[in-house]
N, C-alpha and C. Protein backbone atom coordinates (compact mmCIF):
# COMPACT_ATOMS: atom_id res chain seq x y z
N GLN A 1 1.15 -0.88 0.17
CA GLN A 1 0.29 -0.21 0.10
C GLN A 1 0.96 1.44 0.12
N VAL A 2 0.29 2.25 -0.26
CA VAL A 2 0.89 3.26 -0.25
C VAL A 2 -0.06 4.54 -0.24
N GLN A 3 0.59 5.19 0.61
CA GLN A 3 -0.21 6.57 1.08
C GLN A 3 0.35 8.01 0.47
N LEU A 4 -0.55 8.93 0.40
CA LEU A 4 -0.17 10.47 0.64
C LEU A 4 -0.66 11.06 2.07
N VAL A 5 0.27 11.27 2.51
CA VAL A 5 -0.55 12.23 3.91
C VAL A 5 0.03 13.72 3.86
N GLU A 6 -1.04 14.76 3.74
CA GLU A 6 -0.91 16.15 3.27
C GLU A 6 -0.89 16.65 5.31
N SER A 7 -0.43 18.07 5.07
CA SER A 7 -0.28 18.50 6.68
C SER A 7 -0.06 20.13 6.03
N GLY A 8 -0.37 20.97 6.60
CA GLY A 8 -0.19 22.27 6.67
C GLY A 8 -1.05 23.36 6.59
N GLY A 9 -2.24 23.11 6.23
CA GLY A 9 -3.03 23.71 5.80
C GLY A 9 -3.71 24.69 7.20
N GLY A 10 -4.45 25.48 6.80
CA GLY A 10 -5.36 26.19 7.84
C GLY A 10 -5.79 27.26 7.27
N LEU A 11 -6.51 28.85 8.69
CA LEU A 11 -6.66 29.52 8.64
C LEU A 11 -5.86 30.55 8.36
N VAL A 12 -5.85 31.36 7.42
CA VAL A 12 -4.52 32.80 7.21
C VAL A 12 -5.17 33.73 6.85
N GLN A 13 -4.33 35.25 7.64
CA GLN A 13 -5.16 36.30 6.86
C GLN A 13 -4.76 36.67 5.30
N PRO A 14 -4.88 37.56 4.66
CA PRO A 14 -4.63 37.87 3.51
C PRO A 14 -3.19 38.41 3.87
N GLY A 15 -2.16 38.18 2.71
CA GLY A 15 -0.91 38.20 2.49
C GLY A 15 -0.13 37.57 3.77
N GLY A 16 -0.59 36.91 3.98
CA GLY A 16 -0.24 35.45 5.11
C GLY A 16 0.66 34.57 4.20
N SER A 17 1.28 33.54 5.30
CA SER A 17 1.99 32.54 4.72
C SER A 17 1.76 31.35 4.93
N LEU A 18 1.69 30.43 4.30
CA LEU A 18 2.13 28.86 4.61
C LEU A 18 2.90 27.69 3.70
N ARG A 19 3.02 26.93 4.65
CA ARG A 19 3.63 25.77 4.19
C ARG A 19 3.01 24.28 4.01
N LEU A 20 2.76 23.61 3.01
CA LEU A 20 2.17 22.71 3.22
C LEU A 20 3.45 21.33 2.47
N SER A 21 3.23 20.07 3.24
CA SER A 21 3.54 19.30 2.69
C SER A 21 2.80 17.73 2.87
N CYS A 22 3.87 16.83 2.09
CA CYS A 22 2.90 15.95 1.59
C CYS A 22 3.71 14.70 1.81
N ALA A 23 3.70 13.88 2.27
CA ALA A 23 4.46 12.71 2.73
C ALA A 23 3.87 11.46 2.10
N ALA A 24 4.73 11.05 1.14
CA ALA A 24 4.71 9.08 0.79
C ALA A 24 4.77 7.77 1.31
N SER A 25 4.47 7.16 1.67
CA SER A 25 4.95 5.98 2.64
C SER A 25 4.13 5.12 1.59
N GLY A 26 5.43 3.42 2.18
CA GLY A 26 4.43 2.16 1.54
C GLY A 26 5.48 1.87 0.66
N SER A 27 5.11 0.79 0.18
CA SER A 27 6.30 0.14 -0.81
C SER A 27 6.25 0.99 -1.83
N ILE A 28 7.01 1.61 -2.23
CA ILE A 28 7.76 2.46 -3.26
C ILE A 28 9.20 2.56 -3.68
N PHE A 29 9.61 2.08 -5.01
CA PHE A 29 10.66 2.05 -5.57
C PHE A 29 11.02 3.86 -5.78
N SER A 30 10.35 4.46 -6.47
CA SER A 30 10.92 5.60 -6.80
C SER A 30 9.66 5.97 -7.03
N ILE A 31 9.94 7.57 -6.72
CA ILE A 31 8.62 9.01 -7.44
C ILE A 31 9.33 9.84 -8.77
N ASN A 32 8.11 9.99 -9.30
CA ASN A 32 8.68 10.79 -10.48
C ASN A 32 8.10 11.99 -10.58
N ASP A 33 7.15 12.23 -11.32
CA ASP A 33 6.25 13.68 -10.87
C ASP A 33 5.70 13.73 -9.70
N MET A 34 5.59 15.16 -9.12
CA MET A 34 4.54 15.11 -8.36
C MET A 34 4.24 16.68 -8.13
N GLY A 35 2.94 16.99 -7.34
CA GLY A 35 2.21 18.19 -8.07
C GLY A 35 0.89 18.33 -6.68
N TRP A 36 1.02 19.82 -6.74
CA TRP A 36 -0.12 20.36 -5.65
C TRP A 36 -1.41 20.62 -6.80
N TYR A 37 -3.08 20.24 -6.38
CA TYR A 37 -3.78 20.81 -6.96
C TYR A 37 -4.51 21.24 -6.20
N ARG A 38 -5.93 21.83 -6.33
CA ARG A 38 -6.59 23.13 -5.80
C ARG A 38 -8.08 23.14 -6.36
N GLN A 39 -8.94 22.73 -5.49
CA GLN A 39 -10.25 22.95 -5.82
C GLN A 39 -11.19 23.83 -4.72
N ALA A 40 -11.68 24.99 -5.11
CA ALA A 40 -12.52 25.56 -4.66
C ALA A 40 -13.93 25.72 -4.98
N PRO A 41 -14.69 25.71 -4.09
CA PRO A 41 -16.14 25.56 -3.78
C PRO A 41 -16.59 26.04 -5.50
N GLY A 42 -17.27 25.25 -5.83
CA GLY A 42 -18.13 25.51 -7.49
C GLY A 42 -16.98 25.50 -8.57
N LYS A 43 -16.07 25.24 -8.47
CA LYS A 43 -14.85 25.24 -9.31
C LYS A 43 -14.07 23.75 -9.64
N GLU A 44 -13.91 23.69 -11.12
CA GLU A 44 -12.56 22.75 -10.91
C GLU A 44 -11.91 23.09 -10.41
N ARG A 45 -10.73 21.34 -10.15
CA ARG A 45 -9.74 21.34 -9.71
C ARG A 45 -8.61 21.78 -10.86
N GLU A 46 -7.63 22.43 -10.46
CA GLU A 46 -6.37 23.07 -11.03
C GLU A 46 -5.41 22.75 -10.63
N LEU A 47 -4.71 22.48 -11.60
CA LEU A 47 -2.93 22.23 -11.11
C LEU A 47 -2.60 23.62 -10.58
N VAL A 48 -1.78 23.80 -9.67
CA VAL A 48 -0.88 24.77 -8.63
C VAL A 48 0.55 24.71 -9.16
N ALA A 49 0.79 23.67 -9.08
CA ALA A 49 2.14 23.43 -9.07
C ALA A 49 3.18 22.40 -9.30
N ALA A 50 3.73 22.37 -10.04
CA ALA A 50 4.29 20.57 -10.48
C ALA A 50 5.84 20.19 -10.49
N ILE A 51 6.76 19.35 -9.86
CA ILE A 51 7.75 18.94 -9.88
C ILE A 51 8.36 17.97 -10.24
N THR A 52 9.28 17.99 -11.29
CA THR A 52 9.74 16.32 -11.32
C THR A 52 10.83 15.84 -10.56
N SER A 53 11.15 14.62 -11.09
CA SER A 53 12.28 13.91 -9.81
C SER A 53 13.39 14.60 -10.01
N GLY A 54 14.05 15.55 -10.83
CA GLY A 54 15.07 16.43 -11.29
C GLY A 54 14.74 17.33 -10.40
N GLY A 55 13.65 18.33 -10.37
CA GLY A 55 13.37 19.45 -9.83
C GLY A 55 12.92 20.75 -10.90
N SER A 56 12.89 19.89 -12.17
CA SER A 56 11.96 21.10 -12.52
C SER A 56 10.65 21.42 -12.61
N THR A 57 10.58 22.80 -12.59
CA THR A 57 9.20 22.85 -11.76
C THR A 57 8.42 23.82 -12.68
N ASP A 58 7.26 23.29 -12.43
CA ASP A 58 5.90 24.68 -13.34
C ASP A 58 4.97 25.05 -12.63
N TYR A 59 3.89 26.37 -12.41
CA TYR A 59 3.37 27.10 -11.66
C TYR A 59 2.26 27.14 -12.54
N ALA A 60 1.67 27.38 -11.92
CA ALA A 60 -0.12 28.12 -12.63
C ALA A 60 0.11 29.71 -12.50
N ASP A 61 -0.32 30.48 -13.71
CA ASP A 61 -0.10 31.40 -13.60
C ASP A 61 -0.63 32.57 -12.62
N SER A 62 -1.64 32.00 -11.85
CA SER A 62 -2.25 32.88 -10.67
C SER A 62 -0.86 32.95 -9.47
N VAL A 63 -0.30 32.10 -9.09
CA VAL A 63 0.42 31.74 -8.22
C VAL A 63 2.07 32.27 -8.41
N LYS A 64 2.62 32.40 -9.46
CA LYS A 64 3.96 32.19 -10.28
C LYS A 64 4.34 34.29 -9.01
N GLY A 65 5.15 33.80 -8.95
CA GLY A 65 6.31 34.64 -7.79
C GLY A 65 5.71 34.32 -6.27
N ARG A 66 4.59 33.79 -6.26
CA ARG A 66 3.71 33.97 -4.95
C ARG A 66 4.12 32.31 -3.74
N PHE A 67 4.32 31.47 -4.85
CA PHE A 67 3.97 29.64 -4.50
C PHE A 67 5.59 29.38 -5.01
N THR A 68 5.95 28.28 -3.85
CA THR A 68 7.43 27.71 -4.32
C THR A 68 7.07 26.25 -4.10
N ILE A 69 7.53 25.28 -5.24
CA ILE A 69 7.30 24.06 -4.85
C ILE A 69 8.77 23.35 -4.78
N SER A 70 8.99 22.33 -3.79
CA SER A 70 10.53 21.77 -3.55
C SER A 70 9.45 20.61 -2.97
N ARG A 71 11.28 19.70 -3.24
CA ARG A 71 10.55 17.98 -2.65
C ARG A 71 11.77 17.74 -2.29
N ASP A 72 12.07 17.07 -1.33
CA ASP A 72 12.87 16.25 -0.41
C ASP A 72 12.94 14.43 -0.87
N ASN A 73 13.77 14.61 -1.99
CA ASN A 73 13.84 13.04 -2.24
C ASN A 73 13.98 11.54 -1.50
N ALA A 74 14.96 12.04 -0.47
CA ALA A 74 15.29 11.03 0.34
C ALA A 74 14.15 10.68 1.77
N LYS A 75 13.07 11.97 1.71
CA LYS A 75 12.45 11.72 2.66
C LYS A 75 10.47 12.05 1.92
N ASN A 76 11.00 11.37 0.42
CA ASN A 76 9.58 10.91 -0.04
C ASN A 76 8.95 12.20 -0.17
N THR A 77 9.10 13.30 -0.19
CA THR A 77 8.25 14.16 0.45
C THR A 77 7.91 15.67 -0.42
N VAL A 78 7.16 16.40 -0.86
CA VAL A 78 6.65 17.12 -1.92
C VAL A 78 6.51 18.48 -0.56
N TYR A 79 6.58 19.74 -0.67
CA TYR A 79 6.50 20.98 -0.42
C TYR A 79 6.00 22.10 -0.86
N LEU A 80 4.56 22.75 -0.83
CA LEU A 80 4.47 23.94 -1.18
C LEU A 80 4.50 25.44 -0.25
N GLN A 81 5.59 26.17 -0.46
CA GLN A 81 5.83 27.17 0.33
C GLN A 81 4.82 28.55 0.04
N MET A 82 3.74 28.44 0.44
CA MET A 82 2.64 29.81 -0.59
C MET A 82 2.84 31.11 0.87
N ASN A 83 3.27 32.26 -0.27
CA ASN A 83 3.32 33.61 0.58
C ASN A 83 2.36 34.12 -0.02
N SER A 84 2.37 35.36 0.71
CA SER A 84 1.61 36.56 0.02
C SER A 84 0.06 36.16 -0.57
N LEU A 85 -0.44 35.33 0.68
CA LEU A 85 -1.87 34.51 0.11
C LEU A 85 -3.04 35.73 -0.40
N LYS A 86 -4.04 35.05 -0.63
CA LYS A 86 -5.07 35.72 -1.19
C LYS A 86 -6.07 35.29 -1.11
N PRO A 87 -7.39 35.88 -0.72
CA PRO A 87 -8.82 35.08 -0.50
C PRO A 87 -8.86 34.38 -1.68
N GLU A 88 -8.43 34.88 -2.72
CA GLU A 88 -8.61 33.52 -4.10
C GLU A 88 -8.00 32.61 -4.28
N ASP A 89 -7.01 32.18 -3.49
CA ASP A 89 -6.40 31.04 -3.03
C ASP A 89 -6.83 29.84 -1.85
N THR A 90 -7.99 30.08 -1.37
CA THR A 90 -8.92 29.48 -0.30
C THR A 90 -9.07 28.52 -1.08
N ALA A 91 -8.94 27.55 -1.02
CA ALA A 91 -9.74 25.90 -1.70
C ALA A 91 -8.87 25.07 -0.39
N VAL A 92 -9.48 23.53 -1.33
CA VAL A 92 -8.40 22.45 -0.96
C VAL A 92 -7.49 21.82 -1.38
N TYR A 93 -6.07 21.31 -0.86
CA TYR A 93 -5.07 21.36 -1.57
C TYR A 93 -4.84 20.15 -1.64
N SER A 94 -4.89 19.44 -2.41
CA SER A 94 -4.56 18.06 -2.61
C SER A 94 -3.04 17.65 -3.19
N CYS A 95 -2.69 16.98 -2.86
CA CYS A 95 -0.76 16.62 -3.50
C CYS A 95 -1.12 15.18 -4.25
N ASN A 96 -0.43 15.08 -5.33
CA ASN A 96 -0.43 13.89 -6.47
C ASN A 96 0.65 13.53 -6.77
N ALA A 97 1.24 12.16 -6.87
CA ALA A 97 2.14 11.85 -7.19
C ALA A 97 2.16 10.74 -7.99
N HIS A 98 2.98 10.57 -8.84
CA HIS A 98 3.35 9.18 -9.81
C HIS A 98 4.37 8.53 -9.20
N ILE A 99 4.13 7.27 -8.93
CA ILE A 99 4.89 6.69 -7.93
C ILE A 99 5.24 4.91 -8.81
N ARG A 100 6.34 4.70 -9.04
CA ARG A 100 6.76 3.17 -9.40
C ARG A 100 7.03 2.84 -8.03
N ARG A 101 6.01 1.69 -8.16
CA ARG A 101 6.20 0.61 -7.48
C ARG A 101 5.78 -0.90 -7.67
N PRO A 102 6.35 -1.93 -6.42
CA PRO A 102 5.46 -3.26 -7.27
C PRO A 102 4.15 -3.21 -7.92
N GLY A 103 4.14 -3.77 -9.05
CA GLY A 103 3.07 -3.62 -9.93
C GLY A 103 2.81 -2.63 -10.99
N GLY A 104 4.03 -1.55 -11.11
CA GLY A 104 3.90 -0.71 -12.07
C GLY A 104 4.02 0.72 -11.49
N LEU A 105 3.92 1.56 -12.65
CA LEU A 105 3.41 2.88 -11.77
C LEU A 105 2.35 3.53 -12.16
N LEU A 106 2.19 4.09 -10.75
CA LEU A 106 0.88 4.38 -10.62
C LEU A 106 0.35 6.05 -10.29
N ASN A 107 -0.69 6.46 -9.96
CA ASN A 107 -0.97 8.07 -9.73
C ASN A 107 -1.70 8.07 -8.34
N TYR A 108 -0.99 8.69 -7.70
CA TYR A 108 -1.53 8.66 -6.23
C TYR A 108 -2.21 10.08 -6.02
N TRP A 109 -3.35 9.97 -4.92
CA TRP A 109 -3.83 11.32 -4.31
C TRP A 109 -3.98 11.34 -3.14
N GLY A 110 -3.55 12.99 -2.06
CA GLY A 110 -3.44 12.66 -1.21
C GLY A 110 -5.02 13.12 -0.40
N GLN A 111 -5.38 13.15 0.50
CA GLN A 111 -6.53 13.08 1.16
C GLN A 111 -7.59 14.17 0.87
N GLY A 112 -5.98 15.45 0.48
CA GLY A 112 -6.85 17.45 0.98
C GLY A 112 -6.75 17.56 1.99
N THR A 113 -6.24 18.85 1.90
CA THR A 113 -6.03 19.79 2.92
C THR A 113 -6.50 21.01 2.87
N GLN A 114 -7.53 21.78 3.38
CA GLN A 114 -8.63 23.02 3.79
C GLN A 114 -7.27 24.47 4.23
N VAL A 115 -7.08 24.79 3.56
CA VAL A 115 -6.32 26.65 3.13
C VAL A 115 -7.42 27.34 3.06
N THR A 116 -8.05 28.45 3.53
CA THR A 116 -8.32 29.15 4.22
C THR A 116 -8.17 30.65 4.24
N VAL A 117 -8.03 31.84 3.39
CA VAL A 117 -7.30 33.03 3.31
C VAL A 117 -8.92 33.88 3.62
N SER A 118 -8.55 34.53 4.87
CA SER A 118 -9.57 35.78 4.95
C SER A 118 -9.37 36.08 6.49
N SER A 119 -10.10 37.31 6.27
CA SER A 119 -9.65 38.52 7.62
C SER A 119 -10.32 38.24 8.50
């Protein structure tokens, strides 16, 4: 079994910062791409940021310059540092990982963590 466990969500005022973490555990050979997605009420899920196993990154235009994705391959963990948060960043944030394990390369999702930006 493989699990992705997220942490770090919460309530923050506009302009504040939060750091999300997502740790993968279980029978893992290696992890390819990892990413963070978010879904706000009434909206479709969107990609926020992604990072390859080599460290190349990609960001949604709406978060460029404010969010930073990083990973620690030794810990099978991906992070999302969110600065200058805006009310429109409010959403459930979920991590995603393409994990190579016995049985092949599979796509996994975390359970999601709520981020609320409000004064």
